[in-house]
Amino acid sequence: MRYYNIGYVHISRSHRHSMEMMDQMDESRVFSDKDAQTNTARLAVILNPTAGSGECPLLFEAAKAVFDENGALYDTFITEHVGHAEELAADALKAGYKTVIAAGGDGTVREIAAALCGTDAALGILPFGTGNDLASALLIPEEPKKAAELILFGKKKPTDLGRANGRIFANVCGVGFDVDVLECTKKHKKGRKGMLPYLLGIVDAIVHRRRLHAHISLDGAQETELDALVIDICNGRRFGGGMMVAPEAKQDDGLFDVCIAKYIDLFQMITLLPTFIKGKHIDKKPIIYTRAKRVRVRLEGENTVQLDGELIEKAPLECEIIAGAAGIIRP
């Protein structure tokens, strides 16, 4: 095993992790010139040390044991900021790695998928984040040893990706209520871990729900005008750690599942939410559920868009499915 990217993760018995400087490293380069010839049989593991409330490095220790027991060759690269996983994955491809592993949550997977989109490289997932929604939809186990075994013995399968305003996403692109939940969750994270901040964020977003006045076009058809609570353009089935927004979605059918919840009053929303979480909502009156390859959304006012749980885009939206764009290792 080799550690790169100016630091490595050390797990102490007290479960604390720290970044330590590597000596005699050229910090302007992650990979050496000879790597392209020697790395084709190695795994490039890109690890987000902050994922899963900081538990990702500890979980990776269990996965490493499986790699070591099976004689797998792997190098570990540590992310240091948002967007770094995509940069590291792109460098790994240039250095000759044929398999890149995302050790982290949905955001880490999205960044690495963006770098691997349209290549013949394999993407493995060690789902060590909080929600792990894409991994769940792809039946990738969260238990570290089982996830590592799948990477070593599973198959690379063509998997769709989405593109929103030029940015790649792997799971769900949404605007409205889900964005409000994410923004409210940030307020409740101080001093709290796990799913509690998210649950508090849901309550907060319900109380302060917003009306979206939207113009939506599917596959180039005439726009439909409506008032909505949420508009989700889905490659995967769920988001937010288990909210089953698109229960019929498949990651290899070349189509988005589009779920729109029309604007409703507070009582109706509270009644609808449990069915939304369980994926039993698609035949309910306030719901529009359909499929499309291309989706265009125009909204009145400024609205933030979430891509796989990250608030990194703005409406209006132009989304398209990219069929079979990633080769993901899965059952």
C-alpha atoms as a PDB file:
ATOM      1  CA  MET A   1       0.000   0.000   0.000  1.00  0.00           C
ATOM      2  CA  ARG A   2       1.197   3.520  -0.764  1.00  0.00           C
ATOM      3  CA  TYR A   3      -0.115   6.825   0.592  1.00  0.00           C
ATOM      4  CA  TYR A   4      -0.042   9.962  -1.519  1.00  0.00           C
ATOM      5  CA  ASN A   5      -1.326  13.529  -1.678  1.00  0.00           C
ATOM      6  CA  ILE A   6       0.964  15.138   0.916  1.00  0.00           C
ATOM      7  CA  GLY A   7      -0.586  13.238   3.792  1.00  0.00           C
ATOM      8  CA  TYR A   8      -2.045  10.023   5.070  1.00  0.00           C
ATOM      9  CA  VAL A   9      -4.702   8.943   7.527  1.00  0.00           C
ATOM     10  CA  HIS A  10      -3.639   7.291  10.757  1.00  0.00           C
ATOM     11  CA  ILE A  11      -6.293   5.684  12.959  1.00  0.00           C
ATOM     12  CA  SER A  12      -5.460   5.546  16.655  1.00  0.00           C
ATOM     13  CA  ARG A  13      -7.177   3.306  19.143  1.00  0.00           C
ATOM     14  CA  SER A  14      -9.132   6.324  20.323  1.00  0.00           C
ATOM     15  CA  HIS A  15     -10.596   6.541  16.788  1.00  0.00           C
ATOM     16  CA  ARG A  16      -8.987   9.926  16.149  1.00  0.00           C
ATOM     17  CA  HIS A  17      -7.597  10.516  12.661  1.00  0.00           C
ATOM     18  CA  SER A  18      -4.903  12.984  11.699  1.00  0.00           C
ATOM     19  CA  MET A  19      -3.223  14.222   8.536  1.00  0.00           C
ATOM     20  CA  GLU A  20       0.573  13.874   8.530  1.00  0.00           C
ATOM     21  CA  MET A  21       3.035  15.344   6.041  1.00  0.00           C
ATOM     22  CA  MET A  22       4.935  13.007   3.728  1.00  0.00           C
ATOM     23  CA  ASP A  23       8.643  13.709   3.438  1.00  0.00           C
ATOM     24  CA  GLN A  24      10.441  14.191   0.134  1.00  0.00           C
ATOM     25  CA  MET A  25       7.255  14.696  -1.884  1.00  0.00           C
ATOM     26  CA  ASP A  26       6.833  17.232  -4.678  1.00  0.00           C
ATOM     27  CA  GLU A  27       3.580  18.846  -3.491  1.00  0.00           C
ATOM     28  CA  SER A  28       2.773  20.148  -6.977  1.00  0.00           C
ATOM     29  CA  ARG A  29       2.409  16.582  -8.248  1.00  0.00           C
ATOM     30  CA  VAL A  30       0.477  13.653  -6.831  1.00  0.00           C
ATOM     31  CA  PHE A  31       1.792  11.010  -9.221  1.00  0.00           C
ATOM     32  CA  SER A  32       5.310  10.301 -10.480  1.00  0.00           C
ATOM     33  CA  ASP A  33       6.198   9.948 -14.148  1.00  0.00           C
ATOM     34  CA  LYS A  34       6.654   6.182 -13.907  1.00  0.00           C
ATOM     35  CA  ASP A  35       3.185   5.565 -12.417  1.00  0.00           C
ATOM     36  CA  ALA A  36       1.418   5.222 -15.769  1.00  0.00           C
ATOM     37  CA  GLN A  37       3.422   2.064 -16.458  1.00  0.00           C
ATOM     38  CA  THR A  38       2.997   0.471 -13.035  1.00  0.00           C
ATOM     39  CA  ASN A  39      -0.493   1.371 -11.843  1.00  0.00           C
ATOM     40  CA  THR A  40      -2.790  -0.519 -14.211  1.00  0.00           C
ATOM     41  CA  ALA A  41      -3.166  -3.383 -11.713  1.00  0.00           C
ATOM     42  CA  ARG A  42      -3.470  -1.119  -8.665  1.00  0.00           C
ATOM     43  CA  LEU A  43      -6.547   0.392  -7.059  1.00  0.00           C
ATOM     44  CA  ALA A  44      -6.601   4.145  -6.508  1.00  0.00           C
ATOM     45  CA  VAL A  45      -8.569   4.734  -3.291  1.00  0.00           C
ATOM     46  CA  ILE A  46      -9.744   8.328  -2.882  1.00  0.00           C
ATOM     47  CA  LEU A  47     -10.783   8.855   0.720  1.00  0.00           C
ATOM     48  CA  ASN A  48     -12.748  11.755   2.171  1.00  0.00           C
ATOM     49  CA  PRO A  49     -11.654  11.953   5.832  1.00  0.00           C
ATOM     50  CA  THR A  50     -14.648  14.087   6.847  1.00  0.00           C
ATOM     51  CA  ALA A  51     -17.298  11.728   5.445  1.00  0.00           C
ATOM     52  CA  GLY A  52     -19.643   9.972   7.824  1.00  0.00           C
ATOM     53  CA  SER A  53     -19.100  12.575  10.542  1.00  0.00           C
ATOM     54  CA  GLY A  54     -15.382  11.822  10.396  1.00  0.00           C
ATOM     55  CA  GLU A  55     -15.775   8.037  10.707  1.00  0.00           C
ATOM     56  CA  CYS A  56     -14.692   7.290   7.122  1.00  0.00           C
ATOM     57  CA  PRO A  57     -10.988   6.651   7.927  1.00  0.00           C
ATOM     58  CA  LEU A  58     -11.911   4.215  10.679  1.00  0.00           C
ATOM     59  CA  LEU A  59     -14.293   2.309   8.402  1.00  0.00           C
ATOM     60  CA  PHE A  60     -11.592   2.163   5.746  1.00  0.00           C
ATOM     61  CA  GLU A  61      -9.359   0.233   8.160  1.00  0.00           C
ATOM     62  CA  ALA A  62     -11.785  -2.701   7.932  1.00  0.00           C
ATOM     63  CA  ALA A  63     -11.862  -2.506   4.135  1.00  0.00           C
ATOM     64  CA  LYS A  64      -8.054  -2.400   4.016  1.00  0.00           C
ATOM     65  CA  ALA A  65      -7.930  -5.681   5.901  1.00  0.00           C
ATOM     66  CA  VAL A  66      -9.889  -7.348   3.093  1.00  0.00           C
ATOM     67  CA  PHE A  67      -7.632  -5.825   0.435  1.00  0.00           C
ATOM     68  CA  ASP A  68      -4.540  -7.007   2.315  1.00  0.00           C
ATOM     69  CA  GLU A  69      -5.881 -10.516   2.915  1.00  0.00           C
ATOM     70  CA  ASN A  70      -6.520 -10.914  -0.812  1.00  0.00           C
ATOM     71  CA  GLY A  71      -3.203  -9.435  -1.931  1.00  0.00           C
ATOM     72  CA  ALA A  72      -4.790  -6.410  -3.604  1.00  0.00           C
ATOM     73  CA  LEU A  73      -2.453  -3.573  -4.575  1.00  0.00           C
ATOM     74  CA  TYR A  74      -3.839  -0.154  -3.722  1.00  0.00           C
ATOM     75  CA  ASP A  75      -2.796   3.445  -3.124  1.00  0.00           C
ATOM     76  CA  THR A  76      -4.710   5.864  -0.929  1.00  0.00           C
ATOM     77  CA  PHE A  77      -5.233   9.541  -1.737  1.00  0.00           C
ATOM     78  CA  ILE A  78      -6.790  11.941   0.764  1.00  0.00           C
ATOM     79  CA  THR A  79      -9.177  14.735  -0.194  1.00  0.00           C
ATOM     80  CA  GLU A  80      -8.594  18.141   1.326  1.00  0.00           C
ATOM     81  CA  HIS A  81     -11.432  20.296  -0.006  1.00  0.00           C
ATOM     82  CA  VAL A  82     -14.641  20.208  -2.029  1.00  0.00           C
ATOM     83  CA  GLY A  83     -13.845  19.254  -5.622  1.00  0.00           C
ATOM     84  CA  HIS A  84     -10.562  17.592  -4.707  1.00  0.00           C
ATOM     85  CA  ALA A  85     -11.858  14.048  -5.275  1.00  0.00           C
ATOM     86  CA  GLU A  86     -12.595  14.898  -8.909  1.00  0.00           C
ATOM     87  CA  GLU A  87      -9.098  16.341  -9.338  1.00  0.00           C
ATOM     88  CA  LEU A  88      -7.478  13.278  -7.771  1.00  0.00           C
ATOM     89  CA  ALA A  89      -9.556  10.902  -9.894  1.00  0.00           C
ATOM     90  CA  ALA A  90      -8.580  12.745 -13.075  1.00  0.00           C
ATOM     91  CA  ASP A  91      -4.915  12.530 -12.060  1.00  0.00           C
ATOM     92  CA  ALA A  92      -5.327   8.819 -11.301  1.00  0.00           C
ATOM     93  CA  LEU A  93      -6.606   8.191 -14.822  1.00  0.00           C
ATOM     94  CA  LYS A  94      -3.640  10.046 -16.300  1.00  0.00           C
ATOM     95  CA  ALA A  95      -1.336   7.952 -14.131  1.00  0.00           C
ATOM     96  CA  GLY A  96      -2.724   4.711 -15.549  1.00  0.00           C
ATOM     97  CA  TYR A  97      -5.067   3.498 -12.811  1.00  0.00           C
ATOM     98  CA  LYS A  98      -7.945   1.458 -14.218  1.00  0.00           C
ATOM     99  CA  THR A  99      -9.975   1.220 -11.012  1.00  0.00           C
ATOM    100  CA  VAL A 100     -10.762   4.203  -8.787  1.00  0.00           C
ATOM    101  CA  ILE A 101     -12.444   3.699  -5.409  1.00  0.00           C
ATOM    102  CA  ALA A 102     -14.625   6.323  -3.740  1.00  0.00           C
ATOM    103  CA  ALA A 103     -14.329   6.001   0.041  1.00  0.00           C
ATOM    104  CA  GLY A 104     -16.866   8.469   1.367  1.00  0.00           C
ATOM    105  CA  GLY A 105     -20.432   9.610   0.830  1.00  0.00           C
ATOM    106  CA  ASP A 106     -22.583  10.535  -2.147  1.00  0.00           C
ATOM    107  CA  GLY A 107     -20.683  13.777  -2.716  1.00  0.00           C
ATOM    108  CA  THR A 108     -17.373  11.934  -3.029  1.00  0.00           C
ATOM    109  CA  VAL A 109     -18.938   9.436  -5.426  1.00  0.00           C
ATOM    110  CA  ARG A 110     -20.359  12.268  -7.539  1.00  0.00           C
ATOM    111  CA  GLU A 111     -16.994  13.971  -7.900  1.00  0.00           C
ATOM    112  CA  ILE A 112     -15.176  10.786  -8.890  1.00  0.00           C
ATOM    113  CA  ALA A 113     -17.968   9.771 -11.278  1.00  0.00           C
ATOM    114  CA  ALA A 114     -17.570  13.162 -12.958  1.00  0.00           C
ATOM    115  CA  ALA A 115     -13.892  12.447 -13.629  1.00  0.00           C
ATOM    116  CA  LEU A 116     -14.546   8.887 -14.837  1.00  0.00           C
ATOM    117  CA  CYS A 117     -17.579   9.745 -16.992  1.00  0.00           C
ATOM    118  CA  GLY A 118     -17.162   8.341 -20.485  1.00  0.00           C
ATOM    119  CA  THR A 119     -13.933   6.445 -19.735  1.00  0.00           C
ATOM    120  CA  ASP A 120     -13.347   2.693 -19.487  1.00  0.00           C
ATOM    121  CA  ALA A 121     -12.171   2.949 -15.865  1.00  0.00           C
ATOM    122  CA  ALA A 122     -14.069   1.117 -13.132  1.00  0.00           C
ATOM    123  CA  LEU A 123     -15.607   2.975 -10.201  1.00  0.00           C
ATOM    124  CA  GLY A 124     -15.776   1.133  -6.888  1.00  0.00           C
ATOM    125  CA  ILE A 125     -17.696   2.486  -3.907  1.00  0.00           C
ATOM    126  CA  LEU A 126     -16.901   2.137  -0.220  1.00  0.00           C
ATOM    127  CA  PRO A 127     -20.077   3.814   1.127  1.00  0.00           C
ATOM    128  CA  PHE A 128     -18.736   5.471   4.245  1.00  0.00           C
ATOM    129  CA  GLY A 129     -20.861   8.626   4.259  1.00  0.00           C
ATOM    130  CA  THR A 130     -23.992   9.484   6.209  1.00  0.00           C
ATOM    131  CA  GLY A 131     -26.693   8.809   3.617  1.00  0.00           C
ATOM    132  CA  ASN A 132     -25.053   6.535   1.010  1.00  0.00           C
ATOM    133  CA  ASP A 133     -28.146   6.770  -1.168  1.00  0.00           C
ATOM    134  CA  LEU A 134     -26.603   5.816  -4.505  1.00  0.00           C
ATOM    135  CA  ALA A 135     -24.803   2.827  -3.020  1.00  0.00           C
ATOM    136  CA  SER A 136     -28.081   1.624  -1.528  1.00  0.00           C
ATOM    137  CA  ALA A 137     -29.857   1.894  -4.868  1.00  0.00           C
ATOM    138  CA  LEU A 138     -27.050  -0.104  -6.496  1.00  0.00           C
ATOM    139  CA  LEU A 139     -27.237  -2.768  -3.734  1.00  0.00           C
ATOM    140  CA  ILE A 140     -23.693  -2.011  -2.583  1.00  0.00           C
ATOM    141  CA  PRO A 141     -23.374  -3.038   1.089  1.00  0.00           C
ATOM    142  CA  GLU A 142     -22.439  -0.436   3.697  1.00  0.00           C
ATOM    143  CA  GLU A 143     -20.589  -2.969   5.860  1.00  0.00           C
ATOM    144  CA  PRO A 144     -16.910  -2.237   5.113  1.00  0.00           C
ATOM    145  CA  LYS A 145     -15.661  -5.785   4.601  1.00  0.00           C
ATOM    146  CA  LYS A 146     -18.557  -6.735   2.336  1.00  0.00           C
ATOM    147  CA  ALA A 147     -18.131  -3.552   0.322  1.00  0.00           C
ATOM    148  CA  ALA A 148     -14.424  -4.279  -0.114  1.00  0.00           C
ATOM    149  CA  GLU A 149     -15.131  -7.855  -1.178  1.00  0.00           C
ATOM    150  CA  LEU A 150     -17.577  -6.576  -3.785  1.00  0.00           C
ATOM    151  CA  ILE A 151     -14.883  -4.297  -5.209  1.00  0.00           C
ATOM    152  CA  LEU A 152     -12.495  -7.234  -5.539  1.00  0.00           C
ATOM    153  CA  PHE A 153     -14.960  -9.815  -6.823  1.00  0.00           C
ATOM    154  CA  GLY A 154     -17.905  -7.867  -8.263  1.00  0.00           C
ATOM    155  CA  LYS A 155     -18.485  -6.890 -11.874  1.00  0.00           C
ATOM    156  CA  LYS A 156     -18.151  -3.532 -13.601  1.00  0.00           C
ATOM    157  CA  LYS A 157     -21.561  -2.705 -15.061  1.00  0.00           C
ATOM    158  CA  PRO A 158     -22.619   0.205 -17.304  1.00  0.00           C
ATOM    159  CA  THR A 159     -24.426   2.790 -15.178  1.00  0.00           C
ATOM    160  CA  ASP A 160     -26.190   5.984 -16.216  1.00  0.00           C
ATOM    161  CA  LEU A 161     -25.147   9.426 -15.029  1.00  0.00           C
ATOM    162  CA  GLY A 162     -26.953  12.749 -15.238  1.00  0.00           C
ATOM    163  CA  ARG A 163     -25.724  16.117 -16.394  1.00  0.00           C
ATOM    164  CA  ALA A 164     -27.222  19.329 -14.979  1.00  0.00           C
ATOM    165  CA  ASN A 165     -26.080  22.617 -16.506  1.00  0.00           C
ATOM    166  CA  GLY A 166     -22.869  20.851 -17.507  1.00  0.00           C
ATOM    167  CA  ARG A 167     -22.221  19.286 -14.078  1.00  0.00           C
ATOM    168  CA  ILE A 168     -22.299  15.522 -13.605  1.00  0.00           C
ATOM    169  CA  PHE A 169     -24.482  13.922 -10.941  1.00  0.00           C
ATOM    170  CA  ALA A 170     -24.921  10.257 -10.140  1.00  0.00           C
ATOM    171  CA  ASN A 171     -28.060  10.126  -8.013  1.00  0.00           C
ATOM    172  CA  VAL A 172     -30.583  12.977  -7.718  1.00  0.00           C
ATOM    173  CA  CYS A 173     -30.784  16.578  -8.895  1.00  0.00           C
ATOM    174  CA  GLY A 174     -33.438  18.555  -7.050  1.00  0.00           C
ATOM    175  CA  VAL A 175     -34.824  21.964  -6.257  1.00  0.00           C
ATOM    176  CA  GLY A 176     -37.302  23.089  -3.629  1.00  0.00           C
ATOM    177  CA  PHE A 177     -38.031  21.107  -0.490  1.00  0.00           C
ATOM    178  CA  ASP A 178     -34.934  18.879  -0.633  1.00  0.00           C
ATOM    179  CA  VAL A 179     -32.701  21.949  -0.970  1.00  0.00           C
ATOM    180  CA  ASP A 180     -34.501  23.554   1.972  1.00  0.00           C
ATOM    181  CA  VAL A 181     -33.888  20.403   4.034  1.00  0.00           C
ATOM    182  CA  LEU A 182     -30.160  20.499   3.233  1.00  0.00           C
ATOM    183  CA  GLU A 183     -29.892  24.190   4.080  1.00  0.00           C
ATOM    184  CA  CYS A 184     -31.831  23.717   7.323  1.00  0.00           C
ATOM    185  CA  THR A 185     -29.714  20.669   8.200  1.00  0.00           C
ATOM    186  CA  LYS A 186     -26.584  22.815   8.090  1.00  0.00           C
ATOM    187  CA  LYS A 187     -28.059  25.003  10.827  1.00  0.00           C
ATOM    188  CA  HIS A 188     -28.635  21.988  13.075  1.00  0.00           C
ATOM    189  CA  LYS A 189     -25.263  20.262  12.613  1.00  0.00           C
ATOM    190  CA  LYS A 190     -23.378  22.123  15.330  1.00  0.00           C
ATOM    191  CA  GLY A 191     -22.719  19.700  18.146  1.00  0.00           C
ATOM    192  CA  ARG A 192     -24.811  16.952  16.549  1.00  0.00           C
ATOM    193  CA  LYS A 193     -23.887  13.882  14.491  1.00  0.00           C
ATOM    194  CA  GLY A 194     -25.568  11.197  12.429  1.00  0.00           C
ATOM    195  CA  MET A 195     -29.119  11.619  11.128  1.00  0.00           C
ATOM    196  CA  LEU A 196     -30.411  13.925  13.892  1.00  0.00           C
ATOM    197  CA  PRO A 197     -29.461  17.176  12.108  1.00  0.00           C
ATOM    198  CA  TYR A 198     -31.172  15.891   8.971  1.00  0.00           C
ATOM    199  CA  LEU A 199     -34.379  14.999  10.831  1.00  0.00           C
ATOM    200  CA  LEU A 200     -34.424  18.442  12.431  1.00  0.00           C
ATOM    201  CA  GLY A 201     -33.811  19.903   8.982  1.00  0.00           C
ATOM    202  CA  ILE A 202     -36.893  18.131   7.624  1.00  0.00           C
ATOM    203  CA  VAL A 203     -39.085  19.590  10.378  1.00  0.00           C
ATOM    204  CA  ASP A 204     -37.631  23.056   9.823  1.00  0.00           C
ATOM    205  CA  ALA A 205     -38.183  22.845   6.051  1.00  0.00           C
ATOM    206  CA  ILE A 206     -41.784  21.702   6.503  1.00  0.00           C
ATOM    207  CA  VAL A 207     -42.602  24.616   8.778  1.00  0.00           C
ATOM    208  CA  HIS A 208     -40.974  27.110   6.391  1.00  0.00           C
ATOM    209  CA  ARG A 209     -41.960  25.434   3.117  1.00  0.00           C
ATOM    210  CA  ARG A 210     -41.729  27.479  -0.089  1.00  0.00           C
ATOM    211  CA  ARG A 211     -43.820  27.704  -3.240  1.00  0.00           C
ATOM    212  CA  LEU A 212     -41.920  27.215  -6.521  1.00  0.00           C
ATOM    213  CA  HIS A 213     -43.552  28.732  -9.590  1.00  0.00           C
ATOM    214  CA  ALA A 214     -42.101  26.473 -12.275  1.00  0.00           C
ATOM    215  CA  HIS A 215     -42.075  26.018 -16.040  1.00  0.00           C
ATOM    216  CA  ILE A 216     -41.092  22.438 -16.927  1.00  0.00           C
ATOM    217  CA  SER A 217     -40.404  20.806 -20.285  1.00  0.00           C
ATOM    218  CA  LEU A 218     -39.710  17.102 -20.813  1.00  0.00           C
ATOM    219  CA  ASP A 219     -37.837  15.884 -23.911  1.00  0.00           C
ATOM    220  CA  GLY A 220     -38.415  19.162 -25.711  1.00  0.00           C
ATOM    221  CA  ALA A 221     -42.202  19.186 -25.325  1.00  0.00           C
ATOM    222  CA  GLN A 222     -44.185  22.326 -24.589  1.00  0.00           C
ATOM    223  CA  GLU A 223     -43.637  23.750 -21.120  1.00  0.00           C
ATOM    224  CA  THR A 224     -46.029  22.981 -18.275  1.00  0.00           C
ATOM    225  CA  GLU A 225     -46.568  25.745 -15.722  1.00  0.00           C
ATOM    226  CA  LEU A 226     -47.321  24.841 -12.103  1.00  0.00           C
ATOM    227  CA  ASP A 227     -46.681  25.611  -8.427  1.00  0.00           C
ATOM    228  CA  ALA A 228     -44.503  22.985  -6.767  1.00  0.00           C
ATOM    229  CA  LEU A 229     -42.984  22.064  -3.438  1.00  0.00           C
ATOM    230  CA  VAL A 230     -40.179  20.003  -4.932  1.00  0.00           C
ATOM    231  CA  ILE A 231     -38.895  18.967  -8.351  1.00  0.00           C
ATOM    232  CA  ASP A 232     -36.524  15.993  -8.389  1.00  0.00           C
ATOM    233  CA  ILE A 233     -34.777  14.640 -11.470  1.00  0.00           C
ATOM    234  CA  CYS A 234     -33.637  11.189 -10.463  1.00  0.00           C
ATOM    235  CA  ASN A 235     -31.136   8.639 -11.683  1.00  0.00           C
ATOM    236  CA  GLY A 236     -31.183   6.853  -8.325  1.00  0.00           C
ATOM    237  CA  ARG A 237     -34.159   5.971  -6.157  1.00  0.00           C
ATOM    238  CA  ARG A 238     -33.597   7.839  -2.909  1.00  0.00           C
ATOM    239  CA  PHE A 239     -31.878  10.808  -1.288  1.00  0.00           C
ATOM    240  CA  GLY A 240     -31.331  12.240   2.176  1.00  0.00           C
ATOM    241  CA  GLY A 241     -30.381   8.954   3.771  1.00  0.00           C
ATOM    242  CA  GLY A 242     -33.448   6.999   2.713  1.00  0.00           C
ATOM    243  CA  MET A 243     -36.238   9.218   1.374  1.00  0.00           C
ATOM    244  CA  MET A 244     -37.527   7.057  -1.490  1.00  0.00           C
ATOM    245  CA  VAL A 245     -38.315   9.828  -3.975  1.00  0.00           C
ATOM    246  CA  ALA A 246     -38.146   7.667  -7.141  1.00  0.00           C
ATOM    247  CA  PRO A 247     -38.965   4.080  -6.155  1.00  0.00           C
ATOM    248  CA  GLU A 248     -39.132   2.868  -9.770  1.00  0.00           C
ATOM    249  CA  ALA A 249     -35.852   4.410 -10.941  1.00  0.00           C
ATOM    250  CA  LYS A 250     -33.195   2.245 -12.581  1.00  0.00           C
ATOM    251  CA  GLN A 251     -29.606   3.316 -13.100  1.00  0.00           C
ATOM    252  CA  ASP A 252     -29.242   1.540 -16.435  1.00  0.00           C
ATOM    253  CA  ASP A 253     -32.423   2.325 -18.388  1.00  0.00           C
ATOM    254  CA  GLY A 254     -31.255   5.547 -20.048  1.00  0.00           C
ATOM    255  CA  LEU A 255     -34.043   7.592 -18.424  1.00  0.00           C
ATOM    256  CA  PHE A 256     -34.578   9.979 -15.544  1.00  0.00           C
ATOM    257  CA  ASP A 257     -37.471   9.371 -13.193  1.00  0.00           C
ATOM    258  CA  VAL A 258     -38.972  12.816 -12.611  1.00  0.00           C
ATOM    259  CA  CYS A 259     -40.926  13.392  -9.414  1.00  0.00           C
ATOM    260  CA  ILE A 260     -42.811  16.651  -8.868  1.00  0.00           C
ATOM    261  CA  ALA A 261     -44.831  17.395  -5.743  1.00  0.00           C
ATOM    262  CA  LYS A 262     -47.341  20.172  -6.340  1.00  0.00           C
ATOM    263  CA  TYR A 263     -47.655  22.886  -3.726  1.00  0.00           C
ATOM    264  CA  ILE A 264     -50.036  21.838  -0.926  1.00  0.00           C
ATOM    265  CA  ASP A 265     -50.981  23.146   2.496  1.00  0.00           C
ATOM    266  CA  LEU A 266     -49.205  22.173   5.710  1.00  0.00           C
ATOM    267  CA  PHE A 267     -51.674  19.463   6.750  1.00  0.00           C
ATOM    268  CA  GLN A 268     -51.534  17.803   3.320  1.00  0.00           C
ATOM    269  CA  MET A 269     -47.748  17.937   3.363  1.00  0.00           C
ATOM    270  CA  ILE A 270     -47.506  16.301   6.776  1.00  0.00           C
ATOM    271  CA  THR A 271     -49.860  13.586   5.525  1.00  0.00           C
ATOM    272  CA  LEU A 272     -47.891  13.088   2.295  1.00  0.00           C
ATOM    273  CA  LEU A 273     -44.405  12.990   3.818  1.00  0.00           C
ATOM    274  CA  PRO A 274     -44.542   9.455   5.313  1.00  0.00           C
ATOM    275  CA  THR A 275     -45.613   8.034   1.942  1.00  0.00           C
ATOM    276  CA  PHE A 276     -42.797  10.015   0.274  1.00  0.00           C
ATOM    277  CA  ILE A 277     -40.225   8.512   2.641  1.00  0.00           C
ATOM    278  CA  LYS A 278     -41.474   4.978   1.967  1.00  0.00           C
ATOM    279  CA  GLY A 279     -41.827   5.383  -1.799  1.00  0.00           C
ATOM    280  CA  LYS A 280     -45.617   5.004  -1.675  1.00  0.00           C
ATOM    281  CA  HIS A 281     -46.390   8.480  -3.016  1.00  0.00           C
ATOM    282  CA  ILE A 282     -46.276   8.180  -6.796  1.00  0.00           C
ATOM    283  CA  ASP A 283     -50.016   7.582  -7.214  1.00  0.00           C
ATOM    284  CA  LYS A 284     -51.040  10.343  -4.784  1.00  0.00           C
ATOM    285  CA  LYS A 285     -52.959  13.335  -6.118  1.00  0.00           C
ATOM    286  CA  PRO A 286     -50.296  16.038  -5.521  1.00  0.00           C
ATOM    287  CA  ILE A 287     -47.598  13.975  -7.299  1.00  0.00           C
ATOM    288  CA  ILE A 288     -46.547  14.007 -10.944  1.00  0.00           C
ATOM    289  CA  TYR A 289     -44.278  11.025 -11.682  1.00  0.00           C
ATOM    290  CA  THR A 290     -42.902  10.462 -15.153  1.00  0.00           C
ATOM    291  CA  ARG A 291     -39.748   9.636 -17.137  1.00  0.00           C
ATOM    292  CA  ALA A 292     -37.642  11.565 -19.613  1.00  0.00           C
ATOM    293  CA  LYS A 293     -34.184  11.775 -21.151  1.00  0.00           C
ATOM    294  CA  ARG A 294     -34.040  15.569 -21.023  1.00  0.00           C
ATOM    295  CA  VAL A 295     -35.615  17.947 -18.498  1.00  0.00           C
ATOM    296  CA  ARG A 296     -35.692  21.745 -18.554  1.00  0.00           C
ATOM    297  CA  VAL A 297     -36.843  23.711 -15.488  1.00  0.00           C
ATOM    298  CA  ARG A 298     -37.352  27.475 -15.243  1.00  0.00           C
ATOM    299  CA  LEU A 299     -38.238  29.057 -11.913  1.00  0.00           C
ATOM    300  CA  GLU A 300     -39.225  32.527 -10.822  1.00  0.00           C
ATOM    301  CA  GLY A 301     -36.592  34.110  -8.592  1.00  0.00           C
ATOM    302  CA  GLU A 302     -33.210  32.721  -7.586  1.00  0.00           C
ATOM    303  CA  ASN A 303     -33.196  29.071  -6.543  1.00  0.00           C
ATOM    304  CA  THR A 304     -30.345  26.824  -5.437  1.00  0.00           C
ATOM    305  CA  VAL A 305     -30.171  23.297  -6.853  1.00  0.00           C
ATOM    306  CA  GLN A 306     -28.759  20.239  -5.091  1.00  0.00           C
ATOM    307  CA  LEU A 307     -26.722  17.632  -6.940  1.00  0.00           C
ATOM    308  CA  ASP A 308     -26.309  14.443  -4.911  1.00  0.00           C
ATOM    309  CA  GLY A 309     -26.763  16.390  -1.696  1.00  0.00           C
ATOM    310  CA  GLU A 310     -24.412  19.258  -2.543  1.00  0.00           C
ATOM    311  CA  LEU A 311     -25.671  22.801  -3.076  1.00  0.00           C
ATOM    312  CA  ILE A 312     -23.506  23.671  -6.064  1.00  0.00           C
ATOM    313  CA  GLU A 313     -25.812  24.765  -8.877  1.00  0.00           C
ATOM    314  CA  LYS A 314     -28.534  27.321  -9.645  1.00  0.00           C
ATOM    315  CA  ALA A 315     -31.756  27.237 -11.649  1.00  0.00           C
ATOM    316  CA  PRO A 316     -32.725  27.401 -14.480  1.00  0.00           C
ATOM    317  CA  LEU A 317     -31.865  23.776 -15.135  1.00  0.00           C
ATOM    318  CA  GLU A 318     -31.011  21.858 -18.280  1.00  0.00           C
ATOM    319  CA  CYS A 319     -30.655  18.157 -17.462  1.00  0.00           C
ATOM    320  CA  GLU A 320     -29.839  15.209 -19.680  1.00  0.00           C
ATOM    321  CA  ILE A 321     -29.234  11.532 -19.007  1.00  0.00           C
ATOM    322  CA  ILE A 322     -25.935  10.012 -20.154  1.00  0.00           C
ATOM    323  CA  ALA A 323     -26.666   6.327 -20.687  1.00  0.00           C
ATOM    324  CA  GLY A 324     -23.989   3.895 -19.531  1.00  0.00           C
ATOM    325  CA  ALA A 325     -21.539   6.711 -18.818  1.00  0.00           C
ATOM    326  CA  ALA A 326     -19.848   5.045 -15.828  1.00  0.00           C
ATOM    327  CA  GLY A 327     -18.669   1.506 -15.181  1.00  0.00           C
ATOM    328  CA  ILE A 328     -19.555   0.944 -11.529  1.00  0.00           C
ATOM    329  CA  ILE A 329     -18.595  -2.225  -9.649  1.00  0.00           C
ATOM    330  CA  ARG A 330     -21.823  -3.612  -8.232  1.00  0.00           C
ATOM    331  CA  PRO A 331     -23.697  -6.898  -7.734  1.00  0.00           C
END
